[in-house]
C-alpha cells in the first residue's frame, strides 16, 4: 500500500467515526494544483458556484481557522510553503504525504 492510499484510507476511516466532519484531498505537487483543489473543496463546502473565485479562498481560510471539524489530505507535498499558504494554522486535521527528499533537509 502506498502513502497516498494509506492517507486516503485513514481519512475514510475517520469519516466513518466523525460523520459531521468535512474531508478533502489536495494535490501538493504545486501551489497552483493545491490552490485549485482547495478552491474546489471550499466551493463544495460553502455551496458556491464554480465561477465564483474572488474571496472564496479567504472565506474558507477564515471560516475553517475557527473550526476543528475538518480533515484535509495534502498528497505528494513538494513544497512546505503550499501547506502554509492554503491550510489554516492551529485548526482542523491535516495528513501530508511526501517523498520527503527535499522537505526533511
PDB file of N, CA and C in Angstrom:
ATOM      1  N   UNK A   1       0.846  -1.180   0.000  1.00  0.00           N
ATOM      2  CA  UNK A   1       0.000   0.000   0.000  1.00  0.00           C
ATOM      3  C   UNK A   1       0.889   1.241   0.000  1.00  0.00           C
ATOM      4  N   UNK A   2       0.586   2.184  -0.879  1.00  0.00           N
ATOM      5  CA  UNK A   2       1.369   3.409  -0.971  1.00  0.00           C
ATOM      6  C   UNK A   2       0.925   4.460   0.024  1.00  0.00           C
ATOM      7  N   UNK A   3       1.710   5.535   0.108  1.00  0.00           N
ATOM      8  CA  UNK A   3       1.414   6.625   1.047  1.00  0.00           C
ATOM      9  C   UNK A   3       0.065   7.278   0.766  1.00  0.00           C
ATOM     10  N   UNK A   4      -0.220   7.528  -0.495  1.00  0.00           N
ATOM     11  CA  UNK A   4      -1.482   8.187  -0.859  1.00  0.00           C
ATOM     12  C   UNK A   4      -2.679   7.323  -0.500  1.00  0.00           C
ATOM     13  N   UNK A   5      -2.584   6.035  -0.806  1.00  0.00           N
ATOM     14  CA  UNK A   5      -3.682   5.113  -0.496  1.00  0.00           C
ATOM     15  C   UNK A   5      -3.875   5.000   1.014  1.00  0.00           C
ATOM     16  N   UNK A   6      -2.788   4.966   1.760  1.00  0.00           N
ATOM     17  CA  UNK A   6      -2.879   4.884   3.222  1.00  0.00           C
ATOM     18  C   UNK A   6      -3.523   6.146   3.803  1.00  0.00           C
ATOM     19  N   UNK A   7      -3.122   7.318   3.311  1.00  0.00           N
ATOM     20  CA  UNK A   7      -3.714   8.575   3.787  1.00  0.00           C
ATOM     21  C   UNK A   7      -5.200   8.632   3.460  1.00  0.00           C
ATOM     22  N   UNK A   8      -5.576   8.209   2.259  1.00  0.00           N
ATOM     23  CA  UNK A   8      -6.994   8.180   1.878  1.00  0.00           C
ATOM     24  C   UNK A   8      -7.770   7.216   2.757  1.00  0.00           C
ATOM     25  N   UNK A   9      -7.187   6.093   3.097  1.00  0.00           N
ATOM     26  CA  UNK A   9      -7.845   5.109   3.963  1.00  0.00           C
ATOM     27  C   UNK A   9      -8.031   5.661   5.377  1.00  0.00           C
ATOM     28  N   UNK A  10      -7.028   6.347   5.900  1.00  0.00           N
ATOM     29  CA  UNK A  10      -7.148   6.966   7.225  1.00  0.00           C
ATOM     30  C   UNK A  10      -8.280   7.994   7.221  1.00  0.00           C
ATOM     31  N   UNK A  11      -8.330   8.825   6.187  1.00  0.00           N
ATOM     32  CA  UNK A  11      -9.391   9.829   6.086  1.00  0.00           C
ATOM     33  C   UNK A  11     -10.756   9.157   5.978  1.00  0.00           C
ATOM     34  N   UNK A  12     -10.840   8.101   5.184  1.00  0.00           N
ATOM     35  CA  UNK A  12     -12.109   7.376   5.031  1.00  0.00           C
ATOM     36  C   UNK A  12     -12.557   6.786   6.366  1.00  0.00           C
ATOM     37  N   UNK A  13     -11.637   6.169   7.102  1.00  0.00           N
ATOM     38  CA  UNK A  13     -11.974   5.607   8.413  1.00  0.00           C
ATOM     39  C   UNK A  13     -12.386   6.694   9.399  1.00  0.00           C
ATOM     40  N   UNK A  14     -11.701   7.830   9.358  1.00  0.00           N
ATOM     41  CA  UNK A  14     -12.071   8.938  10.241  1.00  0.00           C
ATOM     42  C   UNK A  14     -13.470   9.435   9.913  1.00  0.00           C
ATOM     43  N   UNK A  15     -13.811   9.456   8.642  1.00  0.00           N
ATOM     44  CA  UNK A  15     -15.134   9.919   8.226  1.00  0.00           C
ATOM     45  C   UNK A  15     -16.236   9.024   8.788  1.00  0.00           C
ATOM     46  N   UNK A  16     -15.962   7.743   8.898  1.00  0.00           N
ATOM     47  CA  UNK A  16     -16.938   6.824   9.494  1.00  0.00           C
ATOM     48  C   UNK A  16     -17.149   7.138  10.974  1.00  0.00           C
ATOM     49  N   UNK A  17     -16.100   7.552  11.656  1.00  0.00           N
ATOM     50  CA  UNK A  17     -16.183   7.855  13.088  1.00  0.00           C
ATOM     51  C   UNK A  17     -16.667   9.279  13.370  1.00  0.00           C
ATOM     52  N   UNK A  18     -16.460  10.170  12.414  1.00  0.00           N
ATOM     53  CA  UNK A  18     -16.839  11.573  12.570  1.00  0.00           C
ATOM     54  C   UNK A  18     -17.666  12.010  11.369  1.00  0.00           C
ATOM     55  N   UNK A  19     -18.899  11.543  11.258  1.00  0.00           N
ATOM     56  CA  UNK A  19     -19.705  11.789  10.048  1.00  0.00           C
ATOM     57  C   UNK A  19     -20.023  13.257   9.777  1.00  0.00           C
ATOM     58  N   UNK A  20     -19.913  14.127  10.766  1.00  0.00           N
ATOM     59  CA  UNK A  20     -20.215  15.548  10.537  1.00  0.00           C
ATOM     60  C   UNK A  20     -18.990  16.331  10.085  1.00  0.00           C
ATOM     61  N   UNK A  21     -17.833  15.711  10.125  1.00  0.00           N
ATOM     62  CA  UNK A  21     -16.615  16.379   9.679  1.00  0.00           C
ATOM     63  C   UNK A  21     -16.635  16.560   8.173  1.00  0.00           C
ATOM     64  N   UNK A  22     -15.856  17.520   7.686  1.00  0.00           N
ATOM     65  CA  UNK A  22     -15.658  17.763   6.260  1.00  0.00           C
ATOM     66  C   UNK A  22     -14.283  17.214   5.869  1.00  0.00           C
ATOM     67  N   UNK A  23     -14.234  16.491   4.757  1.00  0.00           N
ATOM     68  CA  UNK A  23     -13.000  15.852   4.317  1.00  0.00           C
ATOM     69  C   UNK A  23     -12.667  16.272   2.898  1.00  0.00           C
ATOM     70  N   UNK A  24     -11.388  16.504   2.634  1.00  0.00           N
ATOM     71  CA  UNK A  24     -10.955  16.855   1.295  1.00  0.00           C
ATOM     72  C   UNK A  24      -9.557  16.347   1.024  1.00  0.00           C
ATOM     73  N   UNK A  25      -9.234  16.217  -0.256  1.00  0.00           N
ATOM     74  CA  UNK A  25      -7.906  15.790  -0.675  1.00  0.00           C
ATOM     75  C   UNK A  25      -7.357  16.817  -1.655  1.00  0.00           C
ATOM     76  N   UNK A  26      -6.108  17.214  -1.451  1.00  0.00           N
ATOM     77  CA  UNK A  26      -5.476  18.277  -2.218  1.00  0.00           C
ATOM     78  C   UNK A  26      -4.161  17.754  -2.801  1.00  0.00           C
ATOM     79  N   UNK A  27      -3.919  18.067  -4.054  1.00  0.00           N
ATOM     80  CA  UNK A  27      -2.625  17.735  -4.664  1.00  0.00           C
ATOM     81  C   UNK A  27      -1.583  18.711  -4.157  1.00  0.00           C
ATOM     82  N   UNK A  28      -0.511  18.200  -3.631  1.00  0.00           N
ATOM     83  CA  UNK A  28       0.548  19.052  -3.117  1.00  0.00           C
ATOM     84  C   UNK A  28       1.706  19.215  -4.077  1.00  0.00           C
ATOM     85  N   UNK A  29       1.511  18.836  -5.323  1.00  0.00           N
ATOM     86  CA  UNK A  29       2.593  18.865  -6.305  1.00  0.00           C
ATOM     87  C   UNK A  29       3.019  20.278  -6.681  1.00  0.00           C
ATOM     88  N   UNK A  30       2.110  21.228  -6.569  1.00  0.00           N
ATOM     89  CA  UNK A  30       2.449  22.626  -6.841  1.00  0.00           C
ATOM     90  C   UNK A  30       1.437  23.524  -6.147  1.00  0.00           C
ATOM     91  N   UNK A  31       1.805  24.768  -5.975  1.00  0.00           N
ATOM     92  CA  UNK A  31       0.880  25.721  -5.361  1.00  0.00           C
ATOM     93  C   UNK A  31      -0.359  25.886  -6.224  1.00  0.00           C
ATOM     94  N   UNK A  32      -0.186  25.922  -7.545  1.00  0.00           N
ATOM     95  CA  UNK A  32      -1.332  26.084  -8.451  1.00  0.00           C
ATOM     96  C   UNK A  32      -2.301  24.907  -8.336  1.00  0.00           C
ATOM     97  N   UNK A  33      -1.786  23.688  -8.304  1.00  0.00           N
ATOM     98  CA  UNK A  33      -2.654  22.500  -8.184  1.00  0.00           C
ATOM     99  C   UNK A  33      -3.351  22.483  -6.834  1.00  0.00           C
ATOM    100  N   UNK A  34      -2.607  22.763  -5.776  1.00  0.00           N
ATOM    101  CA  UNK A  34      -3.196  22.764  -4.435  1.00  0.00           C
ATOM    102  C   UNK A  34      -4.256  23.850  -4.308  1.00  0.00           C
ATOM    103  N   UNK A  35      -3.967  25.019  -4.841  1.00  0.00           N
ATOM    104  CA  UNK A  35      -4.933  26.130  -4.784  1.00  0.00           C
ATOM    105  C   UNK A  35      -6.216  25.757  -5.523  1.00  0.00           C
ATOM    106  N   UNK A  36      -6.076  25.145  -6.688  1.00  0.00           N
ATOM    107  CA  UNK A  36      -7.246  24.715  -7.457  1.00  0.00           C
ATOM    108  C   UNK A  36      -8.082  23.713  -6.653  1.00  0.00           C
ATOM    109  N   UNK A  37      -7.429  22.767  -6.002  1.00  0.00           N
ATOM    110  CA  UNK A  37      -8.148  21.764  -5.213  1.00  0.00           C
ATOM    111  C   UNK A  37      -8.784  22.364  -3.965  1.00  0.00           C
ATOM    112  N   UNK A  38      -8.068  23.264  -3.291  1.00  0.00           N
ATOM    113  CA  UNK A  38      -8.635  23.908  -2.101  1.00  0.00           C
ATOM    114  C   UNK A  38      -9.832  24.769  -2.497  1.00  0.00           C
ATOM    115  N   UNK A  39      -9.730  25.468  -3.623  1.00  0.00           N
ATOM    116  CA  UNK A  39     -10.870  26.261  -4.088  1.00  0.00           C
ATOM    117  C   UNK A  39     -12.077  25.376  -4.391  1.00  0.00           C
ATOM    118  N   UNK A  40     -11.853  24.242  -5.027  1.00  0.00           N
ATOM    119  CA  UNK A  40     -12.957  23.309  -5.319  1.00  0.00           C
ATOM    120  C   UNK A  40     -13.564  22.783  -4.019  1.00  0.00           C
ATOM    121  N   UNK A  41     -12.722  22.448  -3.050  1.00  0.00           N
ATOM    122  CA  UNK A  41     -13.185  21.978  -1.743  1.00  0.00           C
ATOM    123  C   UNK A  41     -13.995  23.070  -1.050  1.00  0.00           C
ATOM    124  N   UNK A  42     -13.488  24.297  -1.073  1.00  0.00           N
ATOM    125  CA  UNK A  42     -14.170  25.423  -0.436  1.00  0.00           C
ATOM    126  C   UNK A  42     -15.512  25.706  -1.104  1.00  0.00           C
ATOM    127  N   UNK A  43     -15.530  25.678  -2.432  1.00  0.00           N
ATOM    128  CA  UNK A  43     -16.806  25.896  -3.149  1.00  0.00           C
ATOM    129  C   UNK A  43     -17.829  24.843  -2.759  1.00  0.00           C
ATOM    130  N   UNK A  44     -17.371  23.592  -2.680  1.00  0.00           N
ATOM    131  CA  UNK A  44     -18.271  22.490  -2.312  1.00  0.00           C
ATOM    132  C   UNK A  44     -18.809  22.705  -0.890  1.00  0.00           C
ATOM    133  N   UNK A  45     -17.919  23.051   0.037  1.00  0.00           N
ATOM    134  CA  UNK A  45     -18.328  23.227   1.426  1.00  0.00           C
ATOM    135  C   UNK A  45     -19.231  24.438   1.615  1.00  0.00           C
ATOM    136  N   UNK A  46     -18.933  25.511   0.883  1.00  0.00           N
ATOM    137  CA  UNK A  46     -19.682  26.753   1.037  1.00  0.00           C
ATOM    138  C   UNK A  46     -20.841  26.865   0.050  1.00  0.00           C
ATOM    139  N   UNK A  47     -21.025  25.831  -0.766  1.00  0.00           N
ATOM    140  CA  UNK A  47     -22.114  25.780  -1.759  1.00  0.00           C
ATOM    141  C   UNK A  47     -22.075  26.965  -2.708  1.00  0.00           C
ATOM    142  N   UNK A  48     -20.895  27.213  -3.282  1.00  0.00           N
ATOM    143  CA  UNK A  48     -20.713  28.335  -4.192  1.00  0.00           C
ATOM    144  C   UNK A  48     -20.596  27.841  -5.630  1.00  0.00           C
ATOM    145  N   UNK A  49     -20.991  28.669  -6.588  1.00  0.00           N
ATOM    146  CA  UNK A  49     -20.859  28.273  -7.998  1.00  0.00           C
ATOM    147  C   UNK A  49     -19.391  28.201  -8.419  1.00  0.00           C
ATOM    148  N   UNK A  50     -19.128  27.416  -9.457  1.00  0.00           N
ATOM    149  CA  UNK A  50     -17.760  27.223  -9.925  1.00  0.00           C
ATOM    150  C   UNK A  50     -17.094  28.498 -10.416  1.00  0.00           C
ATOM    151  N   UNK A  51     -17.864  29.455 -10.886  1.00  0.00           N
ATOM    152  CA  UNK A  51     -17.265  30.657 -11.447  1.00  0.00           C
ATOM    153  C   UNK A  51     -16.945  31.726 -10.396  1.00  0.00           C
ATOM    154  N   UNK A  52     -17.279  31.460  -9.158  1.00  0.00           N
ATOM    155  CA  UNK A  52     -17.006  32.434  -8.094  1.00  0.00           C
ATOM    156  C   UNK A  52     -15.672  32.113  -7.442  1.00  0.00           C
ATOM    157  N   UNK A  53     -14.705  33.001  -7.594  1.00  0.00           N
ATOM    158  CA  UNK A  53     -13.380  32.759  -7.038  1.00  0.00           C
ATOM    159  C   UNK A  53     -12.894  33.895  -6.158  1.00  0.00           C
ATOM    160  N   UNK A  54     -13.452  35.045  -6.291  1.00  0.00           N
ATOM    161  CA  UNK A  54     -12.940  36.266  -5.680  1.00  0.00           C
ATOM    162  C   UNK A  54     -12.411  36.056  -4.256  1.00  0.00           C
ATOM    163  N   UNK A  55     -13.275  35.860  -3.306  1.00  0.00           N
ATOM    164  CA  UNK A  55     -12.836  35.751  -1.913  1.00  0.00           C
ATOM    165  C   UNK A  55     -13.073  34.363  -1.335  1.00  0.00           C
ATOM    166  N   UNK A  56     -13.275  33.382  -2.211  1.00  0.00           N
ATOM    167  CA  UNK A  56     -13.583  32.034  -1.740  1.00  0.00           C
ATOM    168  C   UNK A  56     -12.478  31.500  -0.845  1.00  0.00           C
ATOM    169  N   UNK A  57     -11.245  31.614  -1.286  1.00  0.00           N
ATOM    170  CA  UNK A  57     -10.134  31.078  -0.511  1.00  0.00           C
ATOM    171  C   UNK A  57     -10.009  31.786   0.829  1.00  0.00           C
ATOM    172  N   UNK A  58     -10.105  33.105   0.834  1.00  0.00           N
ATOM    173  CA  UNK A  58     -10.014  33.846   2.088  1.00  0.00           C
ATOM    174  C   UNK A  58     -11.170  33.492   3.021  1.00  0.00           C
ATOM    175  N   UNK A  59     -12.392  33.367   2.478  1.00  0.00           N
ATOM    176  CA  UNK A  59     -13.552  32.972   3.287  1.00  0.00           C
ATOM    177  C   UNK A  59     -13.340  31.593   3.892  1.00  0.00           C
ATOM    178  N   UNK A  60     -12.823  30.678   3.073  1.00  0.00           N
ATOM    179  CA  UNK A  60     -12.557  29.318   3.539  1.00  0.00           C
ATOM    180  C   UNK A  60     -11.546  29.324   4.681  1.00  0.00           C
ATOM    181  N   UNK A  61     -10.428  30.011   4.467  1.00  0.00           N
ATOM    182  CA  UNK A  61      -9.385  30.035   5.492  1.00  0.00           C
ATOM    183  C   UNK A  61      -9.885  30.681   6.778  1.00  0.00           C
ATOM    184  N   UNK A  62     -10.656  31.744   6.647  1.00  0.00           N
ATOM    185  CA  UNK A  62     -11.197  32.419   7.832  1.00  0.00           C
ATOM    186  C   UNK A  62     -12.178  31.522   8.575  1.00  0.00           C
ATOM    187  N   UNK A  63     -13.094  30.907   7.839  1.00  0.00           N
ATOM    188  CA  UNK A  63     -14.106  30.043   8.451  1.00  0.00           C
ATOM    189  C   UNK A  63     -13.476  28.808   9.084  1.00  0.00           C
ATOM    190  N   UNK A  64     -12.599  28.149   8.342  1.00  0.00           N
ATOM    191  CA  UNK A  64     -12.041  26.897   8.835  1.00  0.00           C
ATOM    192  C   UNK A  64     -10.955  27.093   9.877  1.00  0.00           C
ATOM    193  N   UNK A  65     -10.428  28.295  10.006  1.00  0.00           N
ATOM    194  CA  UNK A  65      -9.468  28.577  11.069  1.00  0.00           C
ATOM    195  C   UNK A  65     -10.152  28.555  12.435  1.00  0.00           C
ATOM    196  N   UNK A  66     -11.474  28.687  12.439  1.00  0.00           N
ATOM    197  CA  UNK A  66     -12.250  28.708  13.679  1.00  0.00           C
ATOM    198  C   UNK A  66     -12.840  27.349  14.025  1.00  0.00           C
ATOM    199  N   UNK A  67     -12.587  26.343  13.183  1.00  0.00           N
ATOM    200  CA  UNK A  67     -13.255  25.043  13.352  1.00  0.00           C
ATOM    201  C   UNK A  67     -12.226  23.918  13.445  1.00  0.00           C
ATOM    202  N   UNK A  68     -12.639  22.835  14.067  1.00  0.00           N
ATOM    203  CA  UNK A  68     -11.802  21.638  14.139  1.00  0.00           C
ATOM    204  C   UNK A  68     -12.484  20.430  13.509  1.00  0.00           C
ATOM    205  N   UNK A  69     -13.597  20.645  12.830  1.00  0.00           N
ATOM    206  CA  UNK A  69     -14.377  19.524  12.308  1.00  0.00           C
ATOM    207  C   UNK A  69     -14.076  19.251  10.833  1.00  0.00           C
ATOM    208  N   UNK A  70     -12.795  19.276  10.474  1.00  0.00           N
ATOM    209  CA  UNK A  70     -12.421  19.004   9.094  1.00  0.00           C
ATOM    210  C   UNK A  70     -11.061  18.314   9.040  1.00  0.00           C
ATOM    211  N   UNK A  71     -10.869  17.585   7.951  1.00  0.00           N
ATOM    212  CA  UNK A  71      -9.593  16.929   7.702  1.00  0.00           C
ATOM    213  C   UNK A  71      -9.244  17.111   6.233  1.00  0.00           C
ATOM    214  N   UNK A  72      -8.006  17.484   5.996  1.00  0.00           N
ATOM    215  CA  UNK A  72      -7.521  17.684   4.644  1.00  0.00           C
ATOM    216  C   UNK A  72      -6.286  16.810   4.441  1.00  0.00           C
ATOM    217  N   UNK A  73      -6.276  16.063   3.354  1.00  0.00           N
ATOM    218  CA  UNK A  73      -5.104  15.280   2.973  1.00  0.00           C
ATOM    219  C   UNK A  73      -4.370  16.064   1.895  1.00  0.00           C
ATOM    220  N   UNK A  74      -3.113  16.384   2.148  1.00  0.00           N
ATOM    221  CA  UNK A  74      -2.270  17.014   1.135  1.00  0.00           C
ATOM    222  C   UNK A  74      -1.375  15.908   0.597  1.00  0.00           C
ATOM    223  N   UNK A  75      -1.648  15.531  -0.634  1.00  0.00           N
ATOM    224  CA  UNK A  75      -0.979  14.384  -1.232  1.00  0.00           C
ATOM    225  C   UNK A  75       0.229  14.814  -2.057  1.00  0.00           C
ATOM    226  N   UNK A  76       1.352  14.160  -1.805  1.00  0.00           N
ATOM    227  CA  UNK A  76       2.587  14.373  -2.570  1.00  0.00           C
ATOM    228  C   UNK A  76       3.091  15.809  -2.445  1.00  0.00           C
ATOM    229  N   UNK A  77       3.182  16.295  -1.218  1.00  0.00           N
ATOM    230  CA  UNK A  77       3.638  17.665  -0.972  1.00  0.00           C
ATOM    231  C   UNK A  77       5.077  17.832  -1.447  1.00  0.00           C
ATOM    232  N   UNK A  78       5.292  18.819  -2.289  1.00  0.00           N
ATOM    233  CA  UNK A  78       6.619  19.090  -2.842  1.00  0.00           C
ATOM    234  C   UNK A  78       7.266  20.327  -2.232  1.00  0.00           C
ATOM    235  N   UNK A  79       6.447  21.202  -1.654  1.00  0.00           N
ATOM    236  CA  UNK A  79       6.957  22.461  -1.108  1.00  0.00           C
ATOM    237  C   UNK A  79       6.148  22.785   0.142  1.00  0.00           C
ATOM    238  N   UNK A  80       6.811  22.874   1.275  1.00  0.00           N
ATOM    239  CA  UNK A  80       6.087  23.119   2.516  1.00  0.00           C
ATOM    240  C   UNK A  80       5.341  24.448   2.508  1.00  0.00           C
ATOM    241  N   UNK A  81       5.729  25.371   1.640  1.00  0.00           N
ATOM    242  CA  UNK A  81       5.022  26.635   1.504  1.00  0.00           C
ATOM    243  C   UNK A  81       3.597  26.459   1.023  1.00  0.00           C
ATOM    244  N   UNK A  82       3.348  25.389   0.284  1.00  0.00           N
ATOM    245  CA  UNK A  82       1.988  25.100  -0.186  1.00  0.00           C
ATOM    246  C   UNK A  82       1.065  24.931   1.008  1.00  0.00           C
ATOM    247  N   UNK A  83       1.462  24.115   1.952  1.00  0.00           N
ATOM    248  CA  UNK A  83       0.630  23.866   3.130  1.00  0.00           C
ATOM    249  C   UNK A  83       0.463  25.132   3.961  1.00  0.00           C
ATOM    250  N   UNK A  84       1.519  25.883   4.143  1.00  0.00           N
ATOM    251  CA  UNK A  84       1.424  27.072   4.995  1.00  0.00           C
ATOM    252  C   UNK A  84       0.538  28.154   4.379  1.00  0.00           C
ATOM    253  N   UNK A  85       0.409  28.175   3.050  1.00  0.00           N
ATOM    254  CA  UNK A  85      -0.418  29.180   2.397  1.00  0.00           C
ATOM    255  C   UNK A  85      -1.874  28.778   2.273  1.00  0.00           C
ATOM    256  N   UNK A  86      -2.166  27.481   2.292  1.00  0.00           N
ATOM    257  CA  UNK A  86      -3.520  27.036   1.965  1.00  0.00           C
ATOM    258  C   UNK A  86      -4.242  26.270   3.068  1.00  0.00           C
ATOM    259  N   UNK A  87      -3.606  26.114   4.200  1.00  0.00           N
ATOM    260  CA  UNK A  87      -4.240  25.394   5.305  1.00  0.00           C
ATOM    261  C   UNK A  87      -4.238  26.294   6.525  1.00  0.00           C
ATOM    262  N   UNK A  88      -5.394  26.496   7.141  1.00  0.00           N
ATOM    263  CA  UNK A  88      -5.442  27.320   8.350  1.00  0.00           C
ATOM    264  C   UNK A  88      -4.554  26.734   9.451  1.00  0.00           C
ATOM    265  N   UNK A  89      -3.797  27.581  10.102  1.00  0.00           N
ATOM    266  CA  UNK A  89      -2.928  27.134  11.187  1.00  0.00           C
ATOM    267  C   UNK A  89      -3.742  26.848  12.441  1.00  0.00           C
ATOM    268  N   UNK A  90      -3.323  25.856  13.192  1.00  0.00           N
ATOM    269  CA  UNK A  90      -3.899  25.541  14.502  1.00  0.00           C
ATOM    270  C   UNK A  90      -5.387  25.220  14.466  1.00  0.00           C
ATOM    271  N   UNK A  91      -5.833  24.615  13.389  1.00  0.00           N
ATOM    272  CA  UNK A  91      -7.244  24.225  13.295  1.00  0.00           C
ATOM    273  C   UNK A  91      -7.343  22.971  12.443  1.00  0.00           C
ATOM    274  N   UNK A  92      -8.395  22.221  12.656  1.00  0.00           N
ATOM    275  CA  UNK A  92      -8.632  21.049  11.825  1.00  0.00           C
ATOM    276  C   UNK A  92      -7.550  20.003  11.950  1.00  0.00           C
ATOM    277  N   UNK A  93      -7.540  19.124  10.966  1.00  0.00           N
ATOM    278  CA  UNK A  93      -6.618  17.992  10.959  1.00  0.00           C
ATOM    279  C   UNK A  93      -6.068  17.853   9.551  1.00  0.00           C
ATOM    280  N   UNK A  94      -4.756  17.659   9.448  1.00  0.00           N
ATOM    281  CA  UNK A  94      -4.106  17.582   8.151  1.00  0.00           C
ATOM    282  C   UNK A  94      -3.227  16.344   8.113  1.00  0.00           C
ATOM    283  N   UNK A  95      -3.345  15.600   7.030  1.00  0.00           N
ATOM    284  CA  UNK A  95      -2.446  14.480   6.747  1.00  0.00           C
ATOM    285  C   UNK A  95      -1.643  14.889   5.522  1.00  0.00           C
ATOM    286  N   UNK A  96      -0.332  14.707   5.589  1.00  0.00           N
ATOM    287  CA  UNK A  96       0.534  15.076   4.481  1.00  0.00           C
ATOM    288  C   UNK A  96       1.307  13.843   4.027  1.00  0.00           C
ATOM    289  N   UNK A  97       1.300  13.595   2.706  1.00  0.00           N
ATOM    290  CA  UNK A  97       2.193  12.591   2.145  1.00  0.00           C
ATOM    291  C   UNK A  97       3.244  13.325   1.329  1.00  0.00           C
ATOM    292  N   UNK A  98       4.459  12.806   1.372  1.00  0.00           N
ATOM    293  CA  UNK A  98       5.563  13.411   0.621  1.00  0.00           C
ATOM    294  C   UNK A  98       6.651  12.371   0.456  1.00  0.00           C
ATOM    295  N   UNK A  99       7.523  12.578  -0.507  1.00  0.00           N
ATOM    296  CA  UNK A  99       8.674  11.695  -0.622  1.00  0.00           C
ATOM    297  C   UNK A  99       9.780  12.146   0.326  1.00  0.00           C
ATOM    298  N   UNK A 100       9.637  13.333   0.884  1.00  0.00           N
ATOM    299  CA  UNK A 100      10.455  13.876   1.963  1.00  0.00           C
ATOM    300  C   UNK A 100      11.897  14.161   1.583  1.00  0.00           C
ATOM    301  N   UNK A 101      12.297  13.896   0.359  1.00  0.00           N
ATOM    302  CA  UNK A 101      13.700  14.121  -0.007  1.00  0.00           C
ATOM    303  C   UNK A 101      14.136  15.558   0.202  1.00  0.00           C
ATOM    304  N   UNK A 102      13.303  16.510  -0.191  1.00  0.00           N
ATOM    305  CA  UNK A 102      13.680  17.915  -0.063  1.00  0.00           C
ATOM    306  C   UNK A 102      13.173  18.518   1.243  1.00  0.00           C
ATOM    307  N   UNK A 103      12.005  18.077   1.728  1.00  0.00           N
ATOM    308  CA  UNK A 103      11.397  18.711   2.898  1.00  0.00           C
ATOM    309  C   UNK A 103      12.108  18.368   4.210  1.00  0.00           C
ATOM    310  N   UNK A 104      12.755  17.244   4.274  1.00  0.00           N
ATOM    311  CA  UNK A 104      13.359  16.793   5.533  1.00  0.00           C
ATOM    312  C   UNK A 104      14.757  17.358   5.774  1.00  0.00           C
ATOM    313  N   UNK A 105      15.299  18.052   4.813  1.00  0.00           N
ATOM    314  CA  UNK A 105      16.668  18.545   4.962  1.00  0.00           C
ATOM    315  C   UNK A 105      16.700  19.997   5.320  1.00  0.00           C
TER     316      UNK A 105
END
